[in-house]
Amino acid sequence: MDTKEHVLPQIDLELCNGCGICVESCPSEAAALIDGRPVIVHPEDCAYCGDCEDLCPEGAISLPYEIVFAE
């Protein structure tokens, strides 16, 4: 069993206009529009490629990164 935690894009639904560009641009088809809003429906398939963040005209999607310093 894969216990890897998936880091997912964060979608600010207050900023989202429901245009669907993020869903159309998702190469792994991890996102879908549900009730006019984007949802990561297949988190295990999200490649964290950044296409959705780059193409969102409202700036509603962000991809958080964790910086880990080596000892």
PDB file of N, CA and C in Angstrom:
ATOM      1  N   MET A   1       0.835  -1.191   0.000  1.00  0.00           N
ATOM      2  CA  MET A   1       0.000   0.000   0.000  1.00  0.00           C
ATOM      3  C   MET A   1       0.873   1.245   0.000  1.00  0.00           C
ATOM      4  N   ASP A   2       0.563   2.194  -0.852  1.00  0.00           N
ATOM      5  CA  ASP A   2       1.311   3.439  -0.953  1.00  0.00           C
ATOM      6  C   ASP A   2       0.842   4.379   0.147  1.00  0.00           C
ATOM      7  N   THR A   3       1.749   4.729   1.045  1.00  0.00           N
ATOM      8  CA  THR A   3       1.385   5.618   2.156  1.00  0.00           C
ATOM      9  C   THR A   3       1.848   7.048   1.900  1.00  0.00           C
ATOM     10  N   LYS A   4       2.361   7.317   0.707  1.00  0.00           N
ATOM     11  CA  LYS A   4       2.824   8.654   0.361  1.00  0.00           C
ATOM     12  C   LYS A   4       1.659   9.644   0.431  1.00  0.00           C
ATOM     13  N   GLU A   5       1.889  10.734   1.133  1.00  0.00           N
ATOM     14  CA  GLU A   5       0.867  11.776   1.224  1.00  0.00           C
ATOM     15  C   GLU A   5       0.952  12.639  -0.036  1.00  0.00           C
ATOM     16  N   HIS A   6      -0.161  12.878  -0.663  1.00  0.00           N
ATOM     17  CA  HIS A   6      -0.183  13.673  -1.882  1.00  0.00           C
ATOM     18  C   HIS A   6      -0.317  15.151  -1.534  1.00  0.00           C
ATOM     19  N   VAL A   7       0.583  15.949  -2.074  1.00  0.00           N
ATOM     20  CA  VAL A   7       0.475  17.394  -1.950  1.00  0.00           C
ATOM     21  C   VAL A   7      -0.321  17.838  -3.164  1.00  0.00           C
ATOM     22  N   LEU A   8      -1.374  18.587  -2.922  1.00  0.00           N
ATOM     23  CA  LEU A   8      -2.282  18.956  -4.001  1.00  0.00           C
ATOM     24  C   LEU A   8      -2.342  20.462  -4.201  1.00  0.00           C
ATOM     25  N   PRO A   9      -2.681  20.890  -5.411  1.00  0.00           N
ATOM     26  CA  PRO A   9      -2.908  22.309  -5.633  1.00  0.00           C
ATOM     27  C   PRO A   9      -4.021  22.808  -4.711  1.00  0.00           C
ATOM     28  N   GLN A  10      -3.868  24.033  -4.245  1.00  0.00           N
ATOM     29  CA  GLN A  10      -4.893  24.640  -3.415  1.00  0.00           C
ATOM     30  C   GLN A  10      -5.728  25.570  -4.290  1.00  0.00           C
ATOM     31  N   ILE A  11      -7.041  25.422  -4.214  1.00  0.00           N
ATOM     32  CA  ILE A  11      -7.957  26.203  -5.040  1.00  0.00           C
ATOM     33  C   ILE A  11      -8.750  27.139  -4.139  1.00  0.00           C
ATOM     34  N   ASP A  12      -8.609  28.436  -4.391  1.00  0.00           N
ATOM     35  CA  ASP A  12      -9.351  29.440  -3.631  1.00  0.00           C
ATOM     36  C   ASP A  12     -10.691  29.665  -4.347  1.00  0.00           C
ATOM     37  N   LEU A  13     -11.744  29.074  -3.827  1.00  0.00           N
ATOM     38  CA  LEU A  13     -13.052  29.157  -4.478  1.00  0.00           C
ATOM     39  C   LEU A  13     -13.640  30.564  -4.429  1.00  0.00           C
ATOM     40  N   GLU A  14     -13.107  31.418  -3.578  1.00  0.00           N
ATOM     41  CA  GLU A  14     -13.552  32.823  -3.539  1.00  0.00           C
ATOM     42  C   GLU A  14     -13.072  33.560  -4.792  1.00  0.00           C
ATOM     43  N   LEU A  15     -11.907  33.170  -5.307  1.00  0.00           N
ATOM     44  CA  LEU A  15     -11.343  33.806  -6.502  1.00  0.00           C
ATOM     45  C   LEU A  15     -11.765  33.116  -7.794  1.00  0.00           C
ATOM     46  N   CYS A  16     -12.076  31.838  -7.716  1.00  0.00           N
ATOM     47  CA  CYS A  16     -12.397  31.037  -8.892  1.00  0.00           C
ATOM     48  C   CYS A  16     -13.671  31.537  -9.571  1.00  0.00           C
ATOM     49  N   ASN A  17     -13.610  31.647 -10.909  1.00  0.00           N
ATOM     50  CA  ASN A  17     -14.802  32.050 -11.663  1.00  0.00           C
ATOM     51  C   ASN A  17     -15.462  30.858 -12.373  1.00  0.00           C
ATOM     52  N   GLY A  18     -14.920  29.653 -12.160  1.00  0.00           N
ATOM     53  CA  GLY A  18     -15.514  28.445 -12.735  1.00  0.00           C
ATOM     54  C   GLY A  18     -15.316  28.286 -14.223  1.00  0.00           C
ATOM     55  N   CYS A  19     -14.280  28.916 -14.786  1.00  0.00           N
ATOM     56  CA  CYS A  19     -14.075  28.873 -16.240  1.00  0.00           C
ATOM     57  C   CYS A  19     -13.696  27.482 -16.757  1.00  0.00           C
ATOM     58  N   GLY A  20     -13.064  26.651 -15.917  1.00  0.00           N
ATOM     59  CA  GLY A  20     -12.710  25.300 -16.316  1.00  0.00           C
ATOM     60  C   GLY A  20     -11.392  25.153 -17.045  1.00  0.00           C
ATOM     61  N   ILE A  21     -10.643  26.229 -17.202  1.00  0.00           N
ATOM     62  CA  ILE A  21      -9.351  26.149 -17.891  1.00  0.00           C
ATOM     63  C   ILE A  21      -8.416  25.185 -17.173  1.00  0.00           C
ATOM     64  N   CYS A  22      -8.447  25.196 -15.855  1.00  0.00           N
ATOM     65  CA  CYS A  22      -7.578  24.294 -15.088  1.00  0.00           C
ATOM     66  C   CYS A  22      -7.917  22.831 -15.362  1.00  0.00           C
ATOM     67  N   VAL A  23      -9.186  22.532 -15.462  1.00  0.00           N
ATOM     68  CA  VAL A  23      -9.625  21.157 -15.722  1.00  0.00           C
ATOM     69  C   VAL A  23      -9.218  20.743 -17.134  1.00  0.00           C
ATOM     70  N   GLU A  24      -9.429  21.618 -18.108  1.00  0.00           N
ATOM     71  CA  GLU A  24      -9.075  21.320 -19.494  1.00  0.00           C
ATOM     72  C   GLU A  24      -7.574  21.130 -19.668  1.00  0.00           C
ATOM     73  N   SER A  25      -6.767  21.847 -18.873  1.00  0.00           N
ATOM     74  CA  SER A  25      -5.315  21.797 -19.032  1.00  0.00           C
ATOM     75  C   SER A  25      -4.646  20.698 -18.219  1.00  0.00           C
ATOM     76  N   CYS A  26      -5.386  20.011 -17.366  1.00  0.00           N
ATOM     77  CA  CYS A  26      -4.803  18.994 -16.488  1.00  0.00           C
ATOM     78  C   CYS A  26      -4.390  17.766 -17.309  1.00  0.00           C
ATOM     79  N   PRO A  27      -3.067  17.516 -17.461  1.00  0.00           N
ATOM     80  CA  PRO A  27      -2.627  16.404 -18.299  1.00  0.00           C
ATOM     81  C   PRO A  27      -2.951  15.030 -17.706  1.00  0.00           C
ATOM     82  N   SER A  28      -3.151  14.961 -16.411  1.00  0.00           N
ATOM     83  CA  SER A  28      -3.435  13.661 -15.785  1.00  0.00           C
ATOM     84  C   SER A  28      -4.920  13.458 -15.503  1.00  0.00           C
ATOM     85  N   GLU A  29      -5.739  14.439 -15.883  1.00  0.00           N
ATOM     86  CA  GLU A  29      -7.190  14.388 -15.678  1.00  0.00           C
ATOM     87  C   GLU A  29      -7.557  14.159 -14.213  1.00  0.00           C
ATOM     88  N   ALA A  30      -6.770  14.769 -13.324  1.00  0.00           N
ATOM     89  CA  ALA A  30      -7.014  14.645 -11.886  1.00  0.00           C
ATOM     90  C   ALA A  30      -8.104  15.602 -11.416  1.00  0.00           C
ATOM     91  N   ALA A  31      -8.398  16.619 -12.216  1.00  0.00           N
ATOM     92  CA  ALA A  31      -9.372  17.640 -11.824  1.00  0.00           C
ATOM     93  C   ALA A  31     -10.649  17.522 -12.647  1.00  0.00           C
ATOM     94  N   ALA A  32     -11.734  17.979 -12.043  1.00  0.00           N
ATOM     95  CA  ALA A  32     -13.028  18.004 -12.733  1.00  0.00           C
ATOM     96  C   ALA A  32     -13.826  19.184 -12.206  1.00  0.00           C
ATOM     97  N   LEU A  33     -14.778  19.645 -13.011  1.00  0.00           N
ATOM     98  CA  LEU A  33     -15.709  20.677 -12.549  1.00  0.00           C
ATOM     99  C   LEU A  33     -16.910  19.991 -11.923  1.00  0.00           C
ATOM    100  N   ILE A  34     -17.199  20.338 -10.698  1.00  0.00           N
ATOM    101  CA  ILE A  34     -18.366  19.825 -10.000  1.00  0.00           C
ATOM    102  C   ILE A  34     -19.150  21.025  -9.491  1.00  0.00           C
ATOM    103  N   ASP A  35     -20.392  21.116  -9.915  1.00  0.00           N
ATOM    104  CA  ASP A  35     -21.229  22.273  -9.580  1.00  0.00           C
ATOM    105  C   ASP A  35     -20.555  23.584  -9.966  1.00  0.00           C
ATOM    106  N   GLY A  36     -19.846  23.563 -11.106  1.00  0.00           N
ATOM    107  CA  GLY A  36     -19.224  24.769 -11.627  1.00  0.00           C
ATOM    108  C   GLY A  36     -17.944  25.177 -10.937  1.00  0.00           C
ATOM    109  N   ARG A  37     -17.377  24.298 -10.119  1.00  0.00           N
ATOM    110  CA  ARG A  37     -16.137  24.608  -9.407  1.00  0.00           C
ATOM    111  C   ARG A  37     -15.137  23.470  -9.586  1.00  0.00           C
ATOM    112  N   PRO A  38     -13.843  23.799  -9.696  1.00  0.00           N
ATOM    113  CA  PRO A  38     -12.842  22.750  -9.875  1.00  0.00           C
ATOM    114  C   PRO A  38     -12.590  21.982  -8.578  1.00  0.00           C
ATOM    115  N   VAL A  39     -12.429  20.678  -8.732  1.00  0.00           N
ATOM    116  CA  VAL A  39     -12.156  19.782  -7.612  1.00  0.00           C
ATOM    117  C   VAL A  39     -11.112  18.773  -8.078  1.00  0.00           C
ATOM    118  N   ILE A  40     -10.160  18.464  -7.202  1.00  0.00           N
ATOM    119  CA  ILE A  40      -9.198  17.405  -7.510  1.00  0.00           C
ATOM    120  C   ILE A  40      -9.895  16.092  -7.180  1.00  0.00           C
ATOM    121  N   VAL A  41     -10.419  15.424  -8.198  1.00  0.00           N
ATOM    122  CA  VAL A  41     -11.209  14.211  -7.992  1.00  0.00           C
ATOM    123  C   VAL A  41     -10.356  12.945  -7.967  1.00  0.00           C
ATOM    124  N   HIS A  42      -9.148  13.028  -8.512  1.00  0.00           N
ATOM    125  CA  HIS A  42      -8.227  11.893  -8.514  1.00  0.00           C
ATOM    126  C   HIS A  42      -6.878  12.368  -7.968  1.00  0.00           C
ATOM    127  N   PRO A  43      -6.790  12.585  -6.659  1.00  0.00           N
ATOM    128  CA  PRO A  43      -5.548  13.130  -6.091  1.00  0.00           C
ATOM    129  C   PRO A  43      -4.323  12.260  -6.357  1.00  0.00           C
ATOM    130  N   GLU A  44      -4.523  10.966  -6.454  1.00  0.00           N
ATOM    131  CA  GLU A  44      -3.397  10.071  -6.707  1.00  0.00           C
ATOM    132  C   GLU A  44      -2.813  10.257  -8.101  1.00  0.00           C
ATOM    133  N   ASP A  45      -3.574  10.880  -9.013  1.00  0.00           N
ATOM    134  CA  ASP A  45      -3.113  11.097 -10.379  1.00  0.00           C
ATOM    135  C   ASP A  45      -2.495  12.476 -10.598  1.00  0.00           C
ATOM    136  N   CYS A  46      -2.670  13.383  -9.647  1.00  0.00           N
ATOM    137  CA  CYS A  46      -2.147  14.740  -9.804  1.00  0.00           C
ATOM    138  C   CYS A  46      -0.624  14.700  -9.883  1.00  0.00           C
ATOM    139  N   ALA A  47      -0.083  15.203 -10.990  1.00  0.00           N
ATOM    140  CA  ALA A  47       1.361  15.204 -11.217  1.00  0.00           C
ATOM    141  C   ALA A  47       2.027  16.451 -10.646  1.00  0.00           C
ATOM    142  N   TYR A  48       1.235  17.382 -10.111  1.00  0.00           N
ATOM    143  CA  TYR A  48       1.753  18.622  -9.527  1.00  0.00           C
ATOM    144  C   TYR A  48       2.596  19.371 -10.551  1.00  0.00           C
ATOM    145  N   CYS A  49       2.130  19.381 -11.800  1.00  0.00           N
ATOM    146  CA  CYS A  49       2.898  19.952 -12.907  1.00  0.00           C
ATOM    147  C   CYS A  49       2.889  21.480 -12.926  1.00  0.00           C
ATOM    148  N   GLY A  50       1.853  22.079 -12.362  1.00  0.00           N
ATOM    149  CA  GLY A  50       1.776  23.535 -12.317  1.00  0.00           C
ATOM    150  C   GLY A  50       0.985  24.170 -13.445  1.00  0.00           C
ATOM    151  N   ASP A  51       0.510  23.373 -14.390  1.00  0.00           N
ATOM    152  CA  ASP A  51      -0.254  23.928 -15.511  1.00  0.00           C
ATOM    153  C   ASP A  51      -1.478  24.687 -15.018  1.00  0.00           C
ATOM    154  N   CYS A  52      -2.195  24.122 -14.067  1.00  0.00           N
ATOM    155  CA  CYS A  52      -3.419  24.761 -13.576  1.00  0.00           C
ATOM    156  C   CYS A  52      -3.106  26.118 -12.943  1.00  0.00           C
ATOM    157  N   GLU A  53      -2.030  26.180 -12.179  1.00  0.00           N
ATOM    158  CA  GLU A  53      -1.640  27.442 -11.535  1.00  0.00           C
ATOM    159  C   GLU A  53      -1.249  28.482 -12.583  1.00  0.00           C
ATOM    160  N   ASP A  54      -0.465  28.067 -13.569  1.00  0.00           N
ATOM    161  CA  ASP A  54       0.005  28.985 -14.604  1.00  0.00           C
ATOM    162  C   ASP A  54      -1.125  29.525 -15.471  1.00  0.00           C
ATOM    163  N   LEU A  55      -2.138  28.702 -15.744  1.00  0.00           N
ATOM    164  CA  LEU A  55      -3.184  29.093 -16.687  1.00  0.00           C
ATOM    165  C   LEU A  55      -4.417  29.726 -16.050  1.00  0.00           C
ATOM    166  N   CYS A  56      -4.544  29.663 -14.742  1.00  0.00           N
ATOM    167  CA  CYS A  56      -5.727  30.221 -14.088  1.00  0.00           C
ATOM    168  C   CYS A  56      -5.756  31.747 -14.249  1.00  0.00           C
ATOM    169  N   PRO A  57      -6.768  32.271 -14.943  1.00  0.00           N
ATOM    170  CA  PRO A  57      -6.817  33.718 -15.181  1.00  0.00           C
ATOM    171  C   PRO A  57      -7.127  34.528 -13.919  1.00  0.00           C
ATOM    172  N   GLU A  58      -7.650  33.894 -12.896  1.00  0.00           N
ATOM    173  CA  GLU A  58      -8.020  34.599 -11.670  1.00  0.00           C
ATOM    174  C   GLU A  58      -6.978  34.454 -10.561  1.00  0.00           C
ATOM    175  N   GLY A  59      -5.944  33.650 -10.792  1.00  0.00           N
ATOM    176  CA  GLY A  59      -4.939  33.426  -9.760  1.00  0.00           C
ATOM    177  C   GLY A  59      -5.500  32.666  -8.563  1.00  0.00           C
ATOM    178  N   ALA A  60      -6.483  31.807  -8.820  1.00  0.00           N
ATOM    179  CA  ALA A  60      -7.174  31.098  -7.747  1.00  0.00           C
ATOM    180  C   ALA A  60      -6.487  29.800  -7.335  1.00  0.00           C
ATOM    181  N   ILE A  61      -5.443  29.398  -8.063  1.00  0.00           N
ATOM    182  CA  ILE A  61      -4.792  28.119  -7.777  1.00  0.00           C
ATOM    183  C   ILE A  61      -3.334  28.365  -7.405  1.00  0.00           C
ATOM    184  N   SER A  62      -2.917  27.723  -6.321  1.00  0.00           N
ATOM    185  CA  SER A  62      -1.519  27.816  -5.917  1.00  0.00           C
ATOM    186  C   SER A  62      -0.997  26.425  -5.597  1.00  0.00           C
ATOM    187  N   LEU A  63       0.281  26.246  -5.864  1.00  0.00           N
ATOM    188  CA  LEU A  63       0.934  24.979  -5.559  1.00  0.00           C
ATOM    189  C   LEU A  63       1.958  25.222  -4.455  1.00  0.00           C
ATOM    190  N   PRO A  64       1.593  24.879  -3.225  1.00  0.00           N
ATOM    191  CA  PRO A  64       2.525  25.100  -2.116  1.00  0.00           C
ATOM    192  C   PRO A  64       3.697  24.125  -2.208  1.00  0.00           C
ATOM    193  N   TYR A  65       4.840  24.599  -1.804  1.00  0.00           N
ATOM    194  CA  TYR A  65       6.029  23.753  -1.780  1.00  0.00           C
ATOM    195  C   TYR A  65       6.598  23.759  -0.379  1.00  0.00           C
ATOM    196  N   GLU A  66       7.159  22.641   0.028  1.00  0.00           N
ATOM    197  CA  GLU A  66       7.804  22.539   1.332  1.00  0.00           C
ATOM    198  C   GLU A  66       9.300  22.509   1.099  1.00  0.00           C
ATOM    199  N   ILE A  67      10.008  23.397   1.741  1.00  0.00           N
ATOM    200  CA  ILE A  67      11.465  23.438   1.622  1.00  0.00           C
ATOM    201  C   ILE A  67      12.053  22.649   2.779  1.00  0.00           C
ATOM    202  N   VAL A  68      12.874  21.679   2.442  1.00  0.00           N
ATOM    203  CA  VAL A  68      13.521  20.840   3.450  1.00  0.00           C
ATOM    204  C   VAL A  68      15.024  21.057   3.332  1.00  0.00           C
ATOM    205  N   PHE A  69      15.629  21.492   4.421  1.00  0.00           N
ATOM    206  CA  PHE A  69      17.070  21.732   4.430  1.00  0.00           C
ATOM    207  C   PHE A  69      17.796  20.457   4.859  1.00  0.00           C
ATOM    208  N   ALA A  70      18.866  20.147   4.157  1.00  0.00           N
ATOM    209  CA  ALA A  70      19.673  18.988   4.504  1.00  0.00           C
ATOM    210  C   ALA A  70      20.474  19.300   5.769  1.00  0.00           C
ATOM    211  N   GLU A  71      20.749  18.283   6.526  1.00  0.00           N
ATOM    212  CA  GLU A  71      21.530  18.474   7.759  1.00  0.00           C
ATOM    213  C   GLU A  71      22.991  18.627   7.437  1.00  0.00           C
TER     214      GLU A  71
END
